[in-house]
């Protein structure tokens, strides 16, 4: 659950949905499907701490 009821960028409605996040590191790429909170008005994405840690882990593996 987010600490706000509406998008802090545009005040739009936020919904949880599955998104694809592409991480690029040099010539290496990874496409990850995960859940994010997405604004219906401006499409801004907000991620849970768990999702952020997962993205950081994948990025570190691509860099290593």
PDB file of N, CA and C in Angstrom:
ATOM      1  N   UNK A   1       0.837  -1.181   0.000  1.00  0.00           N
ATOM      2  CA  UNK A   1       0.000   0.000   0.000  1.00  0.00           C
ATOM      3  C   UNK A   1       0.885   1.249   0.000  1.00  0.00           C
ATOM      4  N   UNK A   2       0.482   2.213  -0.779  1.00  0.00           N
ATOM      5  CA  UNK A   2       1.233   3.455  -0.878  1.00  0.00           C
ATOM      6  C   UNK A   2       0.864   4.408   0.256  1.00  0.00           C
ATOM      7  N   UNK A   3       1.781   5.279   0.627  1.00  0.00           N
ATOM      8  CA  UNK A   3       1.505   6.235   1.701  1.00  0.00           C
ATOM      9  C   UNK A   3       0.653   7.422   1.247  1.00  0.00           C
ATOM     10  N   UNK A   4       0.144   7.389   0.010  1.00  0.00           N
ATOM     11  CA  UNK A   4      -0.695   8.485  -0.483  1.00  0.00           C
ATOM     12  C   UNK A   4      -1.843   7.898  -1.283  1.00  0.00           C
ATOM     13  N   UNK A   5      -2.938   8.631  -1.363  1.00  0.00           N
ATOM     14  CA  UNK A   5      -4.148   8.150  -2.038  1.00  0.00           C
ATOM     15  C   UNK A   5      -4.208   8.504  -3.516  1.00  0.00           C
ATOM     16  N   UNK A   6      -3.421   9.478  -3.914  1.00  0.00           N
ATOM     17  CA  UNK A   6      -3.412   9.895  -5.308  1.00  0.00           C
ATOM     18  C   UNK A   6      -1.973  10.146  -5.745  1.00  0.00           C
ATOM     19  N   UNK A   7      -1.775  10.240  -7.023  1.00  0.00           N
ATOM     20  CA  UNK A   7      -0.439  10.454  -7.583  1.00  0.00           C
ATOM     21  C   UNK A   7       0.134  11.786  -7.080  1.00  0.00           C
ATOM     22  N   UNK A   8       1.331  11.771  -6.505  1.00  0.00           N
ATOM     23  CA  UNK A   8       1.943  13.020  -6.043  1.00  0.00           C
ATOM     24  C   UNK A   8       2.423  13.915  -7.187  1.00  0.00           C
ATOM     25  N   UNK A   9       2.466  13.385  -8.394  1.00  0.00           N
ATOM     26  CA  UNK A   9       2.903  14.165  -9.546  1.00  0.00           C
ATOM     27  C   UNK A   9       1.744  14.954 -10.158  1.00  0.00           C
ATOM     28  N   UNK A  10       0.568  14.273 -10.324  1.00  0.00           N
ATOM     29  CA  UNK A  10      -0.536  14.917 -11.042  1.00  0.00           C
ATOM     30  C   UNK A  10      -1.885  14.790 -10.347  1.00  0.00           C
ATOM     31  N   UNK A  11      -1.927  14.124  -9.204  1.00  0.00           N
ATOM     32  CA  UNK A  11      -3.171  13.899  -8.437  1.00  0.00           C
ATOM     33  C   UNK A  11      -4.117  12.912  -9.105  1.00  0.00           C
ATOM     34  N   UNK A  12      -3.593  12.079 -10.024  1.00  0.00           N
ATOM     35  CA  UNK A  12      -4.412  11.081 -10.691  1.00  0.00           C
ATOM     36  C   UNK A  12      -4.623   9.842  -9.829  1.00  0.00           C
ATOM     37  N   UNK A  13      -5.501   8.972 -10.285  1.00  0.00           N
ATOM     38  CA  UNK A  13      -5.804   7.715  -9.618  1.00  0.00           C
ATOM     39  C   UNK A  13      -4.656   6.734  -9.812  1.00  0.00           C
ATOM     40  N   UNK A  14      -4.294   6.016  -8.755  1.00  0.00           N
ATOM     41  CA  UNK A  14      -3.211   5.039  -8.827  1.00  0.00           C
ATOM     42  C   UNK A  14      -3.793   3.641  -8.716  1.00  0.00           C
ATOM     43  N   UNK A  15      -3.377   2.735  -9.606  1.00  0.00           N
ATOM     44  CA  UNK A  15      -3.816   1.346  -9.585  1.00  0.00           C
ATOM     45  C   UNK A  15      -2.599   0.432  -9.601  1.00  0.00           C
ATOM     46  N   UNK A  16      -2.760  -0.757  -9.045  1.00  0.00           N
ATOM     47  CA  UNK A  16      -1.681  -1.741  -9.076  1.00  0.00           C
ATOM     48  C   UNK A  16      -1.842  -2.578 -10.333  1.00  0.00           C
ATOM     49  N   UNK A  17      -0.736  -2.745 -11.058  1.00  0.00           N
ATOM     50  CA  UNK A  17      -0.798  -3.567 -12.267  1.00  0.00           C
ATOM     51  C   UNK A  17       0.565  -4.164 -12.575  1.00  0.00           C
ATOM     52  N   UNK A  18       0.555  -5.190 -13.404  1.00  0.00           N
ATOM     53  CA  UNK A  18       1.798  -5.826 -13.816  1.00  0.00           C
ATOM     54  C   UNK A  18       2.436  -4.992 -14.926  1.00  0.00           C
ATOM     55  N   UNK A  19       3.725  -4.734 -14.780  1.00  0.00           N
ATOM     56  CA  UNK A  19       4.471  -3.943 -15.761  1.00  0.00           C
ATOM     57  C   UNK A  19       5.732  -4.702 -16.166  1.00  0.00           C
ATOM     58  N   UNK A  20       6.317  -4.299 -17.265  1.00  0.00           N
ATOM     59  CA  UNK A  20       7.596  -4.852 -17.693  1.00  0.00           C
ATOM     60  C   UNK A  20       8.637  -3.753 -17.547  1.00  0.00           C
ATOM     61  N   UNK A  21       9.682  -4.062 -16.815  1.00  0.00           N
ATOM     62  CA  UNK A  21      10.774  -3.111 -16.596  1.00  0.00           C
ATOM     63  C   UNK A  21      12.002  -3.670 -17.311  1.00  0.00           C
ATOM     64  N   UNK A  22      12.628  -2.869 -18.169  1.00  0.00           N
ATOM     65  CA  UNK A  22      13.809  -3.310 -18.904  1.00  0.00           C
ATOM     66  C   UNK A  22      15.030  -2.643 -18.290  1.00  0.00           C
ATOM     67  N   UNK A  23      15.998  -3.479 -17.921  1.00  0.00           N
ATOM     68  CA  UNK A  23      17.248  -2.996 -17.331  1.00  0.00           C
ATOM     69  C   UNK A  23      18.347  -3.211 -18.365  1.00  0.00           C
ATOM     70  N   UNK A  24      19.121  -2.166 -18.636  1.00  0.00           N
ATOM     71  CA  UNK A  24      20.209  -2.241 -19.601  1.00  0.00           C
ATOM     72  C   UNK A  24      21.522  -1.905 -18.912  1.00  0.00           C
ATOM     73  N   UNK A  25      22.521  -2.716 -19.179  1.00  0.00           N
ATOM     74  CA  UNK A  25      23.854  -2.489 -18.630  1.00  0.00           C
ATOM     75  C   UNK A  25      24.850  -2.836 -19.734  1.00  0.00           C
ATOM     76  N   UNK A  26      25.322  -1.824 -20.427  1.00  0.00           N
ATOM     77  CA  UNK A  26      26.187  -2.073 -21.575  1.00  0.00           C
ATOM     78  C   UNK A  26      25.390  -2.761 -22.670  1.00  0.00           C
ATOM     79  N   UNK A  27      25.870  -3.925 -23.106  1.00  0.00           N
ATOM     80  CA  UNK A  27      25.157  -4.691 -24.126  1.00  0.00           C
ATOM     81  C   UNK A  27      24.193  -5.707 -23.522  1.00  0.00           C
ATOM     82  N   UNK A  28      24.216  -5.839 -22.214  1.00  0.00           N
ATOM     83  CA  UNK A  28      23.344  -6.790 -21.534  1.00  0.00           C
ATOM     84  C   UNK A  28      22.012  -6.146 -21.212  1.00  0.00           C
ATOM     85  N   UNK A  29      20.933  -6.933 -21.369  1.00  0.00           N
ATOM     86  CA  UNK A  29      19.588  -6.456 -21.065  1.00  0.00           C
ATOM     87  C   UNK A  29      18.819  -7.535 -20.313  1.00  0.00           C
ATOM     88  N   UNK A  30      17.909  -7.087 -19.485  1.00  0.00           N
ATOM     89  CA  UNK A  30      17.011  -7.996 -18.777  1.00  0.00           C
ATOM     90  C   UNK A  30      15.632  -7.365 -18.773  1.00  0.00           C
ATOM     91  N   UNK A  31      14.618  -8.155 -19.072  1.00  0.00           N
ATOM     92  CA  UNK A  31      13.231  -7.702 -19.025  1.00  0.00           C
ATOM     93  C   UNK A  31      12.558  -8.416 -17.862  1.00  0.00           C
ATOM     94  N   UNK A  32      12.024  -7.643 -16.937  1.00  0.00           N
ATOM     95  CA  UNK A  32      11.399  -8.211 -15.744  1.00  0.00           C
ATOM     96  C   UNK A  32       9.931  -7.828 -15.684  1.00  0.00           C
ATOM     97  N   UNK A  33       9.089  -8.800 -15.381  1.00  0.00           N
ATOM     98  CA  UNK A  33       7.685  -8.523 -15.139  1.00  0.00           C
ATOM     99  C   UNK A  33       7.499  -8.454 -13.639  1.00  0.00           C
ATOM    100  N   UNK A  34       6.933  -7.353 -13.167  1.00  0.00           N
ATOM    101  CA  UNK A  34       6.681  -7.189 -11.749  1.00  0.00           C
ATOM    102  C   UNK A  34       5.484  -6.267 -11.558  1.00  0.00           C
ATOM    103  N   UNK A  35       5.016  -6.195 -10.322  1.00  0.00           N
ATOM    104  CA  UNK A  35       3.882  -5.335 -10.026  1.00  0.00           C
ATOM    105  C   UNK A  35       4.357  -3.975  -9.559  1.00  0.00           C
ATOM    106  N   UNK A  36       3.638  -2.962  -9.996  1.00  0.00           N
ATOM    107  CA  UNK A  36       3.926  -1.585  -9.612  1.00  0.00           C
ATOM    108  C   UNK A  36       2.602  -0.860  -9.463  1.00  0.00           C
ATOM    109  N   UNK A  37       2.655   0.254  -8.764  1.00  0.00           N
ATOM    110  CA  UNK A  37       1.505   1.143  -8.695  1.00  0.00           C
ATOM    111  C   UNK A  37       1.692   2.156  -9.804  1.00  0.00           C
ATOM    112  N   UNK A  38       0.685   2.297 -10.664  1.00  0.00           N
ATOM    113  CA  UNK A  38       0.803   3.135 -11.853  1.00  0.00           C
ATOM    114  C   UNK A  38      -0.321   4.169 -11.863  1.00  0.00           C
ATOM    115  N   UNK A  39       0.030   5.395 -12.141  1.00  0.00           N
ATOM    116  CA  UNK A  39      -0.956   6.466 -12.231  1.00  0.00           C
ATOM    117  C   UNK A  39      -1.717   6.328 -13.550  1.00  0.00           C
ATOM    118  N   UNK A  40      -3.030   6.373 -13.479  1.00  0.00           N
ATOM    119  CA  UNK A  40      -3.874   6.272 -14.675  1.00  0.00           C
ATOM    120  C   UNK A  40      -3.817   7.533 -15.543  1.00  0.00           C
ATOM    121  N   UNK A  41      -3.379   8.631 -14.957  1.00  0.00           N
ATOM    122  CA  UNK A  41      -3.367   9.908 -15.676  1.00  0.00           C
ATOM    123  C   UNK A  41      -2.008  10.189 -16.339  1.00  0.00           C
ATOM    124  N   UNK A  42      -0.920  10.079 -15.575  1.00  0.00           N
ATOM    125  CA  UNK A  42       0.398  10.448 -16.122  1.00  0.00           C
ATOM    126  C   UNK A  42       1.341   9.250 -16.307  1.00  0.00           C
ATOM    127  N   UNK A  43       0.907   8.054 -15.908  1.00  0.00           N
ATOM    128  CA  UNK A  43       1.674   6.800 -16.068  1.00  0.00           C
ATOM    129  C   UNK A  43       2.916   6.705 -15.187  1.00  0.00           C
ATOM    130  N   UNK A  44       3.043   7.596 -14.212  1.00  0.00           N
ATOM    131  CA  UNK A  44       4.162   7.511 -13.271  1.00  0.00           C
ATOM    132  C   UNK A  44       4.074   6.172 -12.537  1.00  0.00           C
ATOM    133  N   UNK A  45       5.227   5.525 -12.328  1.00  0.00           N
ATOM    134  CA  UNK A  45       5.264   4.228 -11.640  1.00  0.00           C
ATOM    135  C   UNK A  45       5.860   4.377 -10.251  1.00  0.00           C
ATOM    136  N   UNK A  46       5.291   3.610  -9.323  1.00  0.00           N
ATOM    137  CA  UNK A  46       5.780   3.574  -7.948  1.00  0.00           C
ATOM    138  C   UNK A  46       5.960   2.109  -7.580  1.00  0.00           C
ATOM    139  N   UNK A  47       7.147   1.782  -7.041  1.00  0.00           N
ATOM    140  CA  UNK A  47       7.484   0.394  -6.742  1.00  0.00           C
ATOM    141  C   UNK A  47       7.570   0.158  -5.242  1.00  0.00           C
ATOM    142  N   UNK A  48       7.266  -1.072  -4.862  1.00  0.00           N
ATOM    143  CA  UNK A  48       7.432  -1.457  -3.460  1.00  0.00           C
ATOM    144  C   UNK A  48       8.928  -1.619  -3.173  1.00  0.00           C
ATOM    145  N   UNK A  49       9.281  -1.597  -1.916  1.00  0.00           N
ATOM    146  CA  UNK A  49      10.679  -1.778  -1.523  1.00  0.00           C
ATOM    147  C   UNK A  49      11.196  -3.133  -2.000  1.00  0.00           C
ATOM    148  N   UNK A  50      10.362  -4.156  -1.919  1.00  0.00           N
ATOM    149  CA  UNK A  50      10.742  -5.502  -2.376  1.00  0.00           C
ATOM    150  C   UNK A  50      11.081  -5.485  -3.871  1.00  0.00           C
ATOM    151  N   UNK A  51      10.269  -4.812  -4.659  1.00  0.00           N
ATOM    152  CA  UNK A  51      10.523  -4.728  -6.103  1.00  0.00           C
ATOM    153  C   UNK A  51      11.798  -3.950  -6.398  1.00  0.00           C
ATOM    154  N   UNK A  52      12.027  -2.878  -5.668  1.00  0.00           N
ATOM    155  CA  UNK A  52      13.240  -2.078  -5.864  1.00  0.00           C
ATOM    156  C   UNK A  52      14.483  -2.905  -5.558  1.00  0.00           C
ATOM    157  N   UNK A  53      14.450  -3.668  -4.474  1.00  0.00           N
ATOM    158  CA  UNK A  53      15.599  -4.508  -4.122  1.00  0.00           C
ATOM    159  C   UNK A  53      15.839  -5.564  -5.198  1.00  0.00           C
ATOM    160  N   UNK A  54      14.767  -6.122  -5.758  1.00  0.00           N
ATOM    161  CA  UNK A  54      14.903  -7.116  -6.824  1.00  0.00           C
ATOM    162  C   UNK A  54      15.534  -6.482  -8.072  1.00  0.00           C
ATOM    163  N   UNK A  55      15.080  -5.290  -8.436  1.00  0.00           N
ATOM    164  CA  UNK A  55      15.647  -4.586  -9.590  1.00  0.00           C
ATOM    165  C   UNK A  55      17.131  -4.284  -9.374  1.00  0.00           C
ATOM    166  N   UNK A  56      17.484  -3.861  -8.164  1.00  0.00           N
ATOM    167  CA  UNK A  56      18.886  -3.572  -7.852  1.00  0.00           C
ATOM    168  C   UNK A  56      19.744  -4.826  -7.926  1.00  0.00           C
ATOM    169  N   UNK A  57      19.196  -5.952  -7.476  1.00  0.00           N
ATOM    170  CA  UNK A  57      19.927  -7.222  -7.529  1.00  0.00           C
ATOM    171  C   UNK A  57      20.201  -7.631  -8.972  1.00  0.00           C
ATOM    172  N   UNK A  58      19.206  -7.520  -9.822  1.00  0.00           N
ATOM    173  CA  UNK A  58      19.374  -7.883 -11.242  1.00  0.00           C
ATOM    174  C   UNK A  58      20.382  -6.956 -11.908  1.00  0.00           C
ATOM    175  N   UNK A  59      20.312  -5.664 -11.611  1.00  0.00           N
ATOM    176  CA  UNK A  59      21.276  -4.709 -12.175  1.00  0.00           C
ATOM    177  C   UNK A  59      22.700  -5.064 -11.760  1.00  0.00           C
ATOM    178  N   UNK A  60      22.885  -5.402 -10.484  1.00  0.00           N
ATOM    179  CA  UNK A  60      24.220  -5.767  -9.980  1.00  0.00           C
ATOM    180  C   UNK A  60      24.721  -7.020 -10.693  1.00  0.00           C
ATOM    181  N   UNK A  61      23.845  -7.983 -10.939  1.00  0.00           N
ATOM    182  CA  UNK A  61      24.250  -9.204 -11.648  1.00  0.00           C
ATOM    183  C   UNK A  61      24.646  -8.893 -13.086  1.00  0.00           C
ATOM    184  N   UNK A  62      23.956  -7.980 -13.733  1.00  0.00           N
ATOM    185  CA  UNK A  62      24.314  -7.603 -15.102  1.00  0.00           C
ATOM    186  C   UNK A  62      25.659  -6.878 -15.146  1.00  0.00           C
ATOM    187  N   UNK A  63      25.930  -6.081 -14.118  1.00  0.00           N
ATOM    188  CA  UNK A  63      27.190  -5.342 -14.065  1.00  0.00           C
ATOM    189  C   UNK A  63      28.367  -6.248 -13.722  1.00  0.00           C
ATOM    190  N   UNK A  64      28.091  -7.314 -12.976  1.00  0.00           N
ATOM    191  CA  UNK A  64      29.153  -8.198 -12.493  1.00  0.00           C
ATOM    192  C   UNK A  64      29.633  -9.134 -13.517  1.00  0.00           C
TER     193      UNK A  64
END
